[in-house]
């Protein structure tokens, strides 16, 4: 259903470095890099996640209540991504644990303050 999601950034280079490193082990590749936008995806036609400088030239801000959830293959991968994001400068927004019955989640905020959830079936 979702084709792509973009997260605002005020430092495209730093955001690109963060997501390149975060996605390196997941097989996500940078597919559309330009001076205002970078998108990553696992393959052609799959959903994409990107960072973007706002079109209006104003400062990028974090949406209150906005979160991007990234489904992964296992609870172990949730824990690895959560730890990796923290090591790359993200802030902890919720330790890795089971929520909603049988799903493992971990939450972070990227260096721009955008909230991410990593999750997998427990």
N, C-alpha and C. Protein backbone atom coordinates (compact mmCIF):
# COMPACT_ATOMS: atom_id res chain seq x y z
N UNK A 1 0.81 -1.19 0.00
CA UNK A 1 0.00 0.00 0.00
C UNK A 1 0.86 1.26 0.00
N UNK A 2 1.89 1.31 0.82
CA UNK A 2 2.72 2.51 0.89
C UNK A 2 3.85 2.39 -0.12
N UNK A 3 3.99 3.40 -0.98
CA UNK A 3 5.06 3.42 -1.96
C UNK A 3 6.35 3.94 -1.39
N UNK A 4 6.25 5.06 -0.65
CA UNK A 4 7.43 5.62 0.00
C UNK A 4 7.02 6.54 1.14
N UNK A 5 7.95 6.72 2.04
CA UNK A 5 7.81 7.65 3.15
C UNK A 5 9.07 8.48 3.19
N UNK A 6 8.94 9.80 3.37
CA UNK A 6 10.11 10.65 3.53
C UNK A 6 10.11 11.26 4.92
N UNK A 7 11.31 11.46 5.43
CA UNK A 7 11.54 12.10 6.72
C UNK A 7 12.33 13.37 6.47
N UNK A 8 11.88 14.46 7.07
CA UNK A 8 12.57 15.73 6.88
C UNK A 8 13.93 15.74 7.55
N UNK A 9 14.87 16.43 6.91
CA UNK A 9 16.21 16.60 7.48
C UNK A 9 16.72 18.00 7.20
N UNK A 10 17.54 18.49 8.10
CA UNK A 10 18.22 19.76 7.91
C UNK A 10 19.67 19.56 7.51
N UNK A 11 20.14 18.31 7.51
CA UNK A 11 21.51 17.97 7.14
C UNK A 11 21.47 16.68 6.32
N UNK A 12 21.29 16.82 5.02
CA UNK A 12 21.13 15.67 4.14
C UNK A 12 22.34 14.74 4.19
N UNK A 13 23.54 15.30 4.27
CA UNK A 13 24.74 14.48 4.31
C UNK A 13 24.78 13.62 5.57
N UNK A 14 24.51 14.22 6.73
CA UNK A 14 24.52 13.47 7.99
C UNK A 14 23.40 12.43 8.01
N UNK A 15 22.22 12.79 7.53
CA UNK A 15 21.10 11.85 7.51
C UNK A 15 21.42 10.68 6.57
N UNK A 16 22.02 10.96 5.43
CA UNK A 16 22.39 9.90 4.49
C UNK A 16 23.42 8.96 5.11
N UNK A 17 24.39 9.50 5.79
CA UNK A 17 25.39 8.68 6.47
C UNK A 17 24.74 7.77 7.51
N UNK A 18 23.81 8.32 8.31
CA UNK A 18 23.10 7.55 9.33
C UNK A 18 22.34 6.39 8.70
N UNK A 19 21.52 6.67 7.70
CA UNK A 19 20.69 5.63 7.10
C UNK A 19 21.49 4.66 6.24
N UNK A 20 22.56 5.10 5.59
CA UNK A 20 23.44 4.17 4.87
C UNK A 20 23.97 3.12 5.84
N UNK A 21 24.45 3.57 6.98
CA UNK A 21 25.01 2.65 7.97
C UNK A 21 23.93 1.78 8.60
N UNK A 22 22.78 2.37 8.93
CA UNK A 22 21.70 1.62 9.55
C UNK A 22 21.19 0.52 8.63
N UNK A 23 21.04 0.81 7.36
CA UNK A 23 20.47 -0.14 6.41
C UNK A 23 21.49 -1.07 5.77
N UNK A 24 22.76 -0.90 6.03
CA UNK A 24 23.81 -1.67 5.36
C UNK A 24 23.61 -3.18 5.48
N UNK A 25 23.23 -3.66 6.65
CA UNK A 25 23.08 -5.10 6.87
C UNK A 25 21.72 -5.63 6.43
N UNK A 26 20.81 -4.76 6.05
CA UNK A 26 19.46 -5.18 5.68
C UNK A 26 19.30 -5.35 4.18
N UNK A 27 20.30 -4.97 3.42
CA UNK A 27 20.23 -5.09 1.98
C UNK A 27 19.49 -3.96 1.29
N UNK A 28 19.18 -2.91 2.03
CA UNK A 28 18.54 -1.75 1.42
C UNK A 28 19.62 -0.93 0.72
N UNK A 29 19.33 -0.52 -0.47
CA UNK A 29 20.28 0.24 -1.27
C UNK A 29 19.76 1.64 -1.53
N UNK A 30 20.70 2.57 -1.62
CA UNK A 30 20.37 3.95 -2.00
C UNK A 30 19.99 3.92 -3.47
N UNK A 31 18.78 4.37 -3.80
CA UNK A 31 18.35 4.28 -5.19
C UNK A 31 18.13 5.62 -5.87
N UNK A 32 17.82 6.64 -5.10
CA UNK A 32 17.60 7.95 -5.71
C UNK A 32 18.31 9.00 -4.85
N UNK A 33 19.58 9.23 -5.10
CA UNK A 33 20.25 10.32 -4.38
C UNK A 33 20.30 11.57 -5.26
N UNK A 34 19.94 12.70 -4.69
CA UNK A 34 20.16 13.97 -5.37
C UNK A 34 20.42 15.05 -4.32
N UNK A 35 20.46 16.30 -4.71
CA UNK A 35 20.85 17.37 -3.78
C UNK A 35 19.80 17.67 -2.71
N UNK A 36 18.59 17.12 -2.83
CA UNK A 36 17.52 17.40 -1.88
C UNK A 36 16.91 16.16 -1.24
N UNK A 37 17.12 15.00 -1.86
CA UNK A 37 16.43 13.79 -1.46
C UNK A 37 17.31 12.56 -1.64
N UNK A 38 17.21 11.62 -0.70
CA UNK A 38 17.84 10.31 -0.87
C UNK A 38 16.79 9.27 -0.46
N UNK A 39 16.60 8.26 -1.32
CA UNK A 39 15.67 7.16 -1.04
C UNK A 39 16.41 5.84 -1.01
N UNK A 40 15.96 4.93 -0.13
CA UNK A 40 16.50 3.57 -0.03
C UNK A 40 15.37 2.59 -0.25
N UNK A 41 15.71 1.42 -0.82
CA UNK A 41 14.74 0.35 -1.01
C UNK A 41 15.48 -0.98 -1.12
N UNK A 42 14.71 -2.05 -0.97
CA UNK A 42 15.31 -3.38 -1.07
C UNK A 42 15.36 -3.88 -2.51
N UNK A 43 14.44 -3.38 -3.37
CA UNK A 43 14.41 -3.80 -4.77
C UNK A 43 13.46 -2.89 -5.54
N UNK A 44 13.55 -2.95 -6.84
CA UNK A 44 12.67 -2.14 -7.69
C UNK A 44 11.22 -2.49 -7.40
N UNK A 45 10.41 -1.48 -7.24
CA UNK A 45 8.99 -1.67 -7.00
C UNK A 45 8.61 -1.87 -5.55
N UNK A 46 9.59 -2.03 -4.66
CA UNK A 46 9.31 -2.21 -3.23
C UNK A 46 9.15 -0.83 -2.56
N UNK A 47 8.62 -0.83 -1.37
CA UNK A 47 8.47 0.40 -0.61
C UNK A 47 9.82 1.07 -0.41
N UNK A 48 9.80 2.40 -0.31
CA UNK A 48 11.04 3.17 -0.14
C UNK A 48 10.92 4.05 1.10
N UNK A 49 12.07 4.31 1.72
CA UNK A 49 12.18 5.27 2.82
C UNK A 49 13.22 6.29 2.41
N UNK A 50 12.92 7.56 2.63
CA UNK A 50 13.85 8.60 2.22
C UNK A 50 14.00 9.70 3.24
N UNK A 51 15.06 10.47 3.06
CA UNK A 51 15.26 11.71 3.82
C UNK A 51 15.26 12.84 2.80
N UNK A 52 14.70 13.97 3.21
CA UNK A 52 14.49 15.06 2.26
C UNK A 52 14.60 16.41 2.94
N UNK A 53 15.18 17.36 2.22
CA UNK A 53 15.13 18.75 2.65
C UNK A 53 13.77 19.29 2.24
N UNK A 54 13.05 19.98 3.12
CA UNK A 54 11.71 20.46 2.77
C UNK A 54 11.72 21.31 1.49
N UNK A 55 10.71 21.07 0.65
CA UNK A 55 10.57 21.77 -0.62
C UNK A 55 10.44 23.27 -0.44
N UNK A 56 9.77 23.69 0.65
CA UNK A 56 9.53 25.12 0.85
C UNK A 56 10.74 25.87 1.36
N UNK A 57 11.86 25.16 1.60
CA UNK A 57 13.08 25.81 2.06
C UNK A 57 13.10 26.12 3.55
N UNK A 58 12.01 25.82 4.24
CA UNK A 58 11.94 26.06 5.69
C UNK A 58 12.67 24.94 6.43
N UNK A 59 12.86 25.14 7.71
CA UNK A 59 13.50 24.15 8.57
C UNK A 59 12.65 22.89 8.67
N UNK A 60 13.27 21.74 8.55
CA UNK A 60 12.56 20.48 8.75
C UNK A 60 12.25 20.33 10.22
N UNK A 61 11.05 19.89 10.53
CA UNK A 61 10.64 19.65 11.91
C UNK A 61 10.06 18.25 12.01
N UNK A 62 10.00 17.75 13.22
CA UNK A 62 9.49 16.41 13.49
C UNK A 62 7.97 16.47 13.65
N UNK A 63 7.26 15.58 13.01
CA UNK A 63 5.81 15.50 13.18
C UNK A 63 5.46 14.86 14.50
N UNK A 64 4.69 15.55 15.31
CA UNK A 64 4.26 15.01 16.60
C UNK A 64 3.28 13.87 16.34
N UNK A 65 3.64 12.67 16.75
CA UNK A 65 2.82 11.50 16.50
C UNK A 65 3.19 10.74 15.23
N UNK A 66 4.12 11.27 14.46
CA UNK A 66 4.56 10.61 13.24
C UNK A 66 5.63 9.58 13.58
N UNK A 67 5.49 8.39 13.00
CA UNK A 67 6.47 7.34 13.22
C UNK A 67 6.51 6.45 11.99
N UNK A 68 7.69 6.01 11.61
CA UNK A 68 7.86 5.06 10.52
C UNK A 68 8.24 3.73 11.16
N UNK A 69 7.48 2.68 10.84
CA UNK A 69 7.75 1.34 11.37
C UNK A 69 8.39 0.50 10.27
N UNK A 70 9.51 -0.12 10.60
CA UNK A 70 10.26 -0.93 9.64
C UNK A 70 10.18 -2.39 10.08
N UNK A 71 9.47 -3.20 9.30
CA UNK A 71 9.32 -4.62 9.62
C UNK A 71 10.60 -5.36 9.22
N UNK A 72 11.09 -6.19 10.13
CA UNK A 72 12.30 -6.97 9.88
C UNK A 72 12.01 -8.45 10.10
N UNK A 73 13.01 -9.29 9.90
CA UNK A 73 12.80 -10.73 9.89
C UNK A 73 12.75 -11.43 11.23
N UNK A 74 13.26 -10.80 12.31
CA UNK A 74 13.31 -11.51 13.58
C UNK A 74 13.47 -10.53 14.75
N UNK A 75 13.12 -10.98 15.96
CA UNK A 75 13.37 -10.16 17.14
C UNK A 75 14.87 -9.83 17.32
N UNK A 76 15.73 -10.74 16.90
CA UNK A 76 17.17 -10.49 17.00
C UNK A 76 17.57 -9.32 16.10
N UNK A 77 16.98 -9.24 14.92
CA UNK A 77 17.27 -8.12 14.03
C UNK A 77 16.74 -6.83 14.61
N UNK A 78 15.59 -6.86 15.27
CA UNK A 78 15.07 -5.67 15.97
C UNK A 78 16.12 -5.17 16.96
N UNK A 79 16.63 -6.08 17.77
CA UNK A 79 17.62 -5.71 18.79
C UNK A 79 18.89 -5.16 18.15
N UNK A 80 19.35 -5.79 17.06
CA UNK A 80 20.56 -5.33 16.38
C UNK A 80 20.38 -3.93 15.80
N UNK A 81 19.24 -3.70 15.14
CA UNK A 81 18.99 -2.38 14.54
C UNK A 81 18.83 -1.31 15.61
N UNK A 82 18.15 -1.64 16.68
CA UNK A 82 17.98 -0.68 17.78
C UNK A 82 19.35 -0.28 18.33
N UNK A 83 20.18 -1.26 18.61
CA UNK A 83 21.52 -0.99 19.14
C UNK A 83 22.37 -0.23 18.11
N UNK A 84 22.28 -0.62 16.85
CA UNK A 84 23.06 0.05 15.82
C UNK A 84 22.64 1.51 15.69
N UNK A 85 21.33 1.76 15.67
CA UNK A 85 20.84 3.13 15.56
C UNK A 85 21.35 3.97 16.73
N UNK A 86 21.33 3.43 17.93
CA UNK A 86 21.85 4.17 19.09
C UNK A 86 23.34 4.46 18.93
N UNK A 87 24.08 3.48 18.41
CA UNK A 87 25.52 3.69 18.22
C UNK A 87 25.80 4.74 17.14
N UNK A 88 24.85 4.96 16.24
CA UNK A 88 25.00 5.94 15.17
C UNK A 88 24.48 7.33 15.57
N UNK A 89 24.05 7.48 16.81
CA UNK A 89 23.61 8.79 17.29
C UNK A 89 22.13 8.96 17.49
N UNK A 90 21.35 7.89 17.31
CA UNK A 90 19.91 7.97 17.56
C UNK A 90 19.65 8.02 19.06
N UNK A 91 18.48 8.50 19.43
CA UNK A 91 18.05 8.53 20.84
C UNK A 91 17.08 7.38 21.09
N UNK A 92 17.19 6.77 22.25
CA UNK A 92 16.30 5.67 22.62
C UNK A 92 14.89 6.21 22.89
N UNK A 93 13.90 5.61 22.24
CA UNK A 93 12.49 6.00 22.45
C UNK A 93 11.68 4.83 22.99
N UNK A 94 12.32 3.74 23.31
CA UNK A 94 11.63 2.58 23.85
C UNK A 94 12.47 1.34 23.65
N UNK A 95 12.87 0.73 24.76
CA UNK A 95 13.72 -0.45 24.70
C UNK A 95 13.06 -1.57 23.92
N UNK A 96 13.89 -2.47 23.43
CA UNK A 96 13.40 -3.64 22.70
C UNK A 96 12.60 -4.52 23.65
N UNK A 97 11.42 -4.92 23.21
CA UNK A 97 10.59 -5.79 24.02
C UNK A 97 9.32 -6.18 23.29
N UNK A 98 8.60 -7.13 23.89
CA UNK A 98 7.35 -7.61 23.29
C UNK A 98 6.23 -6.63 23.63
N UNK A 99 5.49 -6.28 22.58
CA UNK A 99 4.34 -5.40 22.74
C UNK A 99 3.23 -5.92 21.84
N UNK A 100 2.02 -5.67 22.21
CA UNK A 100 0.90 -6.06 21.37
C UNK A 100 0.75 -7.56 21.23
N UNK A 101 1.14 -8.31 22.23
CA UNK A 101 0.96 -9.75 22.20
C UNK A 101 2.17 -10.52 21.73
N UNK A 102 2.41 -10.56 20.40
CA UNK A 102 3.48 -11.40 19.90
C UNK A 102 4.44 -10.66 18.97
N UNK A 103 4.55 -9.36 19.13
CA UNK A 103 5.47 -8.58 18.29
C UNK A 103 6.57 -7.99 19.16
N UNK A 104 7.79 -8.04 18.64
CA UNK A 104 8.93 -7.42 19.31
C UNK A 104 9.18 -6.08 18.64
N UNK A 105 9.26 -5.02 19.44
CA UNK A 105 9.49 -3.67 18.96
C UNK A 105 10.71 -3.06 19.64
N UNK A 106 11.34 -2.13 18.94
CA UNK A 106 12.36 -1.25 19.50
C UNK A 106 12.17 0.11 18.84
N UNK A 107 12.28 1.18 19.61
CA UNK A 107 12.00 2.53 19.11
C UNK A 107 13.20 3.45 19.28
N UNK A 108 13.45 4.28 18.27
CA UNK A 108 14.52 5.28 18.34
C UNK A 108 14.05 6.56 17.65
N UNK A 109 14.79 7.63 17.89
CA UNK A 109 14.66 8.86 17.11
C UNK A 109 15.99 9.07 16.40
N UNK A 110 15.93 9.26 15.09
CA UNK A 110 17.15 9.48 14.31
C UNK A 110 17.77 10.82 14.69
N UNK A 111 18.96 11.14 14.19
CA UNK A 111 19.61 12.39 14.58
C UNK A 111 18.81 13.66 14.28
N UNK A 112 17.83 13.59 13.36
CA UNK A 112 16.95 14.74 13.10
C UNK A 112 15.73 14.74 14.01
N UNK A 113 15.55 13.69 14.82
CA UNK A 113 14.41 13.62 15.73
C UNK A 113 13.23 12.82 15.20
N UNK A 114 13.34 12.23 14.01
CA UNK A 114 12.26 11.43 13.45
C UNK A 114 12.17 10.09 14.18
N UNK A 115 10.94 9.69 14.52
CA UNK A 115 10.77 8.46 15.28
C UNK A 115 10.65 7.25 14.36
N UNK A 116 11.43 6.21 14.68
CA UNK A 116 11.42 4.94 13.95
C UNK A 116 11.07 3.82 14.91
N UNK A 117 10.34 2.84 14.40
CA UNK A 117 10.10 1.60 15.12
C UNK A 117 10.64 0.47 14.27
N UNK A 118 11.35 -0.45 14.89
CA UNK A 118 11.76 -1.69 14.24
C UNK A 118 10.90 -2.77 14.88
N UNK A 119 10.32 -3.67 14.07
CA UNK A 119 9.49 -4.70 14.67
C UNK A 119 9.52 -6.00 13.88
N UNK A 120 9.18 -7.10 14.61
CA UNK A 120 9.13 -8.44 14.01
C UNK A 120 8.23 -9.30 14.87
N UNK A 121 7.71 -10.36 14.28
CA UNK A 121 6.95 -11.34 15.05
C UNK A 121 7.89 -12.00 16.06
N UNK A 122 7.37 -12.18 17.26
CA UNK A 122 8.21 -12.74 18.35
C UNK A 122 8.45 -14.21 18.17
